[in-house]
Amino acid sequence: MIKNLSHISLLSNSLNKVKNFYVKKLGLKIVHEFRNENNELYGYFLSSNKNTFLEFFKSKKKINFNNRNNHFKHICFEVSNIKNFNKKKFKNKFNIKRGKTDQILQFFTKDFEGNTVEFHERDKLSKF
C-alpha cells in the first residue's frame, strides 16, 4: 500500500539559501510554493525526480543547527489509496484532509519515538 518515500520535511532559517543551494546549485525543481493568505512565501516543495521530494518551511524561530533534531519536521510516505490505508492500518483513526495550498490528501501520526509521520495521496485535485 505504501508506494514510496515521498519527502522529508525540514525547517530552514533562510528560504533564499534553500533556493540557492538546492535549486540553483543542485538543479532540483520547485514544484510548489507554500504561500499564506497574504501571498507571503513560507515554504518550498522541491522535486529530486522519480516522485521524491524535499519540503522546506521557514522556521518561526532561529534554528540552532548544533542541535541536529530541531530542524527535522516530518517524514512522508506516498500511499496508493489513503482511505483504505487509514482503514486497514489505523482503523480509520485519522481524519484525512487536504493540504492548505497543495490540496494533497493527507493525515499525520507519530511513530514509536514521537517523530511525525505523514501519509499522503495525490489525486486529480492535487496541485502537483
C-alpha atoms as a PDB file:
ATOM      1  CA  MET A   1       0.000   0.000   0.000  1.00  0.00           C
ATOM      2  CA  ILE A   2       2.956   2.333   0.516  1.00  0.00           C
ATOM      3  CA  LYS A   3       4.199   3.354  -2.924  1.00  0.00           C
ATOM      4  CA  ASN A   4       7.412   5.100  -1.926  1.00  0.00           C
ATOM      5  CA  LEU A   5       9.081   7.535   0.406  1.00  0.00           C
ATOM      6  CA  SER A   6       7.606  10.817  -0.795  1.00  0.00           C
ATOM      7  CA  HIS A   7       9.514  13.506   1.056  1.00  0.00           C
ATOM      8  CA  ILE A   8      11.456  14.651   4.067  1.00  0.00           C
ATOM      9  CA  SER A   9      10.290  17.930   5.584  1.00  0.00           C
ATOM     10  CA  LEU A  10      12.864  20.270   7.107  1.00  0.00           C
ATOM     11  CA  LEU A  11      12.895  23.705   8.663  1.00  0.00           C
ATOM     12  CA  SER A  12      15.241  26.435   7.492  1.00  0.00           C
ATOM     13  CA  ASN A  13      16.334  29.872   8.649  1.00  0.00           C
ATOM     14  CA  SER A  14      16.502  31.097   5.042  1.00  0.00           C
ATOM     15  CA  LEU A  15      14.398  30.084   2.058  1.00  0.00           C
ATOM     16  CA  ASN A  16      16.774  32.102  -0.153  1.00  0.00           C
ATOM     17  CA  LYS A  17      19.658  29.863   0.906  1.00  0.00           C
ATOM     18  CA  VAL A  18      17.481  26.785   0.306  1.00  0.00           C
ATOM     19  CA  LYS A  19      16.743  28.018  -3.216  1.00  0.00           C
ATOM     20  CA  ASN A  20      20.355  28.934  -3.941  1.00  0.00           C
ATOM     21  CA  PHE A  21      21.713  25.565  -2.843  1.00  0.00           C
ATOM     22  CA  TYR A  22      19.045  23.041  -3.823  1.00  0.00           C
ATOM     23  CA  VAL A  23      17.646  24.729  -6.938  1.00  0.00           C
ATOM     24  CA  LYS A  24      20.473  26.790  -8.396  1.00  0.00           C
ATOM     25  CA  LYS A  25      23.418  24.619  -7.353  1.00  0.00           C
ATOM     26  CA  LEU A  26      21.948  21.078  -7.310  1.00  0.00           C
ATOM     27  CA  GLY A  27      19.282  21.544 -10.004  1.00  0.00           C
ATOM     28  CA  LEU A  28      16.211  20.441  -8.069  1.00  0.00           C
ATOM     29  CA  LYS A  29      12.953  21.948  -9.320  1.00  0.00           C
ATOM     30  CA  ILE A  30      10.445  23.943  -7.297  1.00  0.00           C
ATOM     31  CA  VAL A  31       7.131  22.175  -7.899  1.00  0.00           C
ATOM     32  CA  HIS A  32       5.120  24.103  -5.314  1.00  0.00           C
ATOM     33  CA  GLU A  33       5.498  27.267  -3.276  1.00  0.00           C
ATOM     34  CA  PHE A  34       3.700  27.426   0.062  1.00  0.00           C
ATOM     35  CA  ARG A  35       2.132  30.864   0.438  1.00  0.00           C
ATOM     36  CA  ASN A  36      -0.169  32.202   3.126  1.00  0.00           C
ATOM     37  CA  GLU A  37      -3.358  34.220   2.603  1.00  0.00           C
ATOM     38  CA  ASN A  38      -1.215  37.380   2.200  1.00  0.00           C
ATOM     39  CA  ASN A  39       0.766  35.654  -0.586  1.00  0.00           C
ATOM     40  CA  GLU A  40       3.886  35.546   1.624  1.00  0.00           C
ATOM     41  CA  LEU A  41       6.223  32.664   0.817  1.00  0.00           C
ATOM     42  CA  TYR A  42       6.768  30.292   3.749  1.00  0.00           C
ATOM     43  CA  GLY A  43       7.979  27.120   2.054  1.00  0.00           C
ATOM     44  CA  TYR A  44       9.095  25.145  -1.000  1.00  0.00           C
ATOM     45  CA  PHE A  45       8.359  21.670  -2.291  1.00  0.00           C
ATOM     46  CA  LEU A  46      11.361  20.577  -4.375  1.00  0.00           C
ATOM     47  CA  SER A  47      11.482  17.643  -6.796  1.00  0.00           C
ATOM     48  CA  SER A  48      14.548  15.458  -6.951  1.00  0.00           C
ATOM     49  CA  ASN A  49      12.889  13.330  -9.680  1.00  0.00           C
ATOM     50  CA  LYS A  50      11.065   9.989  -9.562  1.00  0.00           C
ATOM     51  CA  ASN A  51       8.444  11.233  -7.066  1.00  0.00           C
ATOM     52  CA  THR A  52      10.983  12.001  -4.350  1.00  0.00           C
ATOM     53  CA  PHE A  53      10.897  15.445  -2.804  1.00  0.00           C
ATOM     54  CA  LEU A  54      12.359  17.740  -0.173  1.00  0.00           C
ATOM     55  CA  GLU A  55       9.997  20.086   1.643  1.00  0.00           C
ATOM     56  CA  PHE A  56      11.318  23.177   3.405  1.00  0.00           C
ATOM     57  CA  PHE A  57       9.451  25.568   5.654  1.00  0.00           C
ATOM     58  CA  LYS A  58      10.787  28.835   7.034  1.00  0.00           C
ATOM     59  CA  SER A  59      11.204  28.420  10.759  1.00  0.00           C
ATOM     60  CA  LYS A  60       9.435  30.888  13.011  1.00  0.00           C
ATOM     61  CA  LYS A  61      12.323  30.541  15.466  1.00  0.00           C
ATOM     62  CA  LYS A  62      16.046  30.803  14.830  1.00  0.00           C
ATOM     63  CA  ILE A  63      17.369  27.279  14.341  1.00  0.00           C
ATOM     64  CA  ASN A  64      20.456  26.163  16.220  1.00  0.00           C
ATOM     65  CA  PHE A  65      21.983  23.619  13.845  1.00  0.00           C
ATOM     66  CA  ASN A  66      24.261  22.299  16.600  1.00  0.00           C
ATOM     67  CA  ASN A  67      21.090  20.564  17.837  1.00  0.00           C
ATOM     68  CA  ARG A  68      20.553  18.169  14.922  1.00  0.00           C
ATOM     69  CA  ASN A  69      16.937  17.383  15.777  1.00  0.00           C
ATOM     70  CA  ASN A  70      15.416  20.840  15.820  1.00  0.00           C
ATOM     71  CA  HIS A  71      15.139  21.298  12.046  1.00  0.00           C
ATOM     72  CA  PHE A  72      13.526  17.960  11.205  1.00  0.00           C
ATOM     73  CA  LYS A  73       9.793  18.403  10.646  1.00  0.00           C
ATOM     74  CA  HIS A  74       8.459  15.075   9.360  1.00  0.00           C
ATOM     75  CA  ILE A  75       8.876  12.134   7.007  1.00  0.00           C
ATOM     76  CA  CYS A  76       6.181  11.358   4.414  1.00  0.00           C
ATOM     77  CA  PHE A  77       5.147   8.198   2.613  1.00  0.00           C
ATOM     78  CA  GLU A  78       3.029   8.295  -0.521  1.00  0.00           C
ATOM     79  CA  VAL A  79       0.237   5.702  -0.483  1.00  0.00           C
ATOM     80  CA  SER A  80      -1.937   4.404  -3.297  1.00  0.00           C
ATOM     81  CA  ASN A  81      -5.311   4.651  -1.529  1.00  0.00           C
ATOM     82  CA  ILE A  82      -5.230   6.797   1.594  1.00  0.00           C
ATOM     83  CA  LYS A  83      -8.753   5.940   2.771  1.00  0.00           C
ATOM     84  CA  ASN A  84      -8.120   2.213   2.520  1.00  0.00           C
ATOM     85  CA  PHE A  85      -4.660   2.624   4.105  1.00  0.00           C
ATOM     86  CA  ASN A  86      -6.152   4.556   7.049  1.00  0.00           C
ATOM     87  CA  LYS A  87      -8.817   1.883   7.477  1.00  0.00           C
ATOM     88  CA  LYS A  88      -6.510  -1.146   7.273  1.00  0.00           C
ATOM     89  CA  LYS A  89      -3.532   0.201   9.208  1.00  0.00           C
ATOM     90  CA  PHE A  90      -5.200   2.574  11.696  1.00  0.00           C
ATOM     91  CA  LYS A  91      -8.887   1.518  11.818  1.00  0.00           C
ATOM     92  CA  ASN A  92      -9.967   4.934  10.420  1.00  0.00           C
ATOM     93  CA  LYS A  93      -8.406   6.677  13.416  1.00  0.00           C
ATOM     94  CA  PHE A  94      -7.333   9.717  11.396  1.00  0.00           C
ATOM     95  CA  ASN A  95      -9.276  12.460   9.688  1.00  0.00           C
ATOM     96  CA  ILE A  96      -7.987  12.773   6.118  1.00  0.00           C
ATOM     97  CA  LYS A  97      -7.704  16.391   4.988  1.00  0.00           C
ATOM     98  CA  ARG A  98      -6.353  18.282   2.018  1.00  0.00           C
ATOM     99  CA  GLY A  99      -3.199  20.367   2.353  1.00  0.00           C
ATOM    100  CA  LYS A 100      -3.973  24.095   2.507  1.00  0.00           C
ATOM    101  CA  THR A 101      -2.017  25.099  -0.562  1.00  0.00           C
ATOM    102  CA  ASP A 102      -1.143  21.889  -2.403  1.00  0.00           C
ATOM    103  CA  GLN A 103      -4.528  20.168  -1.939  1.00  0.00           C
ATOM    104  CA  ILE A 104      -2.905  16.749  -1.400  1.00  0.00           C
ATOM    105  CA  LEU A 105      -4.916  14.246   0.669  1.00  0.00           C
ATOM    106  CA  GLN A 106      -3.038  13.656   3.925  1.00  0.00           C
ATOM    107  CA  PHE A 107      -3.011  12.666   7.552  1.00  0.00           C
ATOM    108  CA  PHE A 108      -0.312  12.688  10.232  1.00  0.00           C
ATOM    109  CA  THR A 109       0.615  10.416  13.123  1.00  0.00           C
ATOM    110  CA  LYS A 110       3.611   9.822  15.409  1.00  0.00           C
ATOM    111  CA  ASP A 111       5.965   6.873  15.352  1.00  0.00           C
ATOM    112  CA  PHE A 112       7.140   4.988  18.448  1.00  0.00           C
ATOM    113  CA  GLU A 113       9.740   7.692  19.245  1.00  0.00           C
ATOM    114  CA  GLY A 114       7.442  10.652  18.686  1.00  0.00           C
ATOM    115  CA  ASN A 115       8.618  11.536  15.162  1.00  0.00           C
ATOM    116  CA  THR A 116       5.875  12.921  12.935  1.00  0.00           C
ATOM    117  CA  VAL A 117       4.952  10.689  10.003  1.00  0.00           C
ATOM    118  CA  GLU A 118       2.730  11.895   7.164  1.00  0.00           C
ATOM    119  CA  PHE A 119       0.867   9.715   4.686  1.00  0.00           C
ATOM    120  CA  HIS A 120      -0.441  11.307   1.523  1.00  0.00           C
ATOM    121  CA  GLU A 121      -2.086  10.551  -1.794  1.00  0.00           C
ATOM    122  CA  ARG A 122      -2.080  12.665  -4.919  1.00  0.00           C
ATOM    123  CA  ASP A 123      -5.307  12.758  -6.891  1.00  0.00           C
ATOM    124  CA  LYS A 124      -6.841  14.884  -9.657  1.00  0.00           C
ATOM    125  CA  LEU A 125      -7.477  17.776  -7.214  1.00  0.00           C
ATOM    126  CA  SER A 126      -3.840  17.860  -6.017  1.00  0.00           C
ATOM    127  CA  LYS A 127      -1.827  20.749  -7.435  1.00  0.00           C
ATOM    128  CA  PHE A 128       1.207  18.670  -8.428  1.00  0.00           C
END
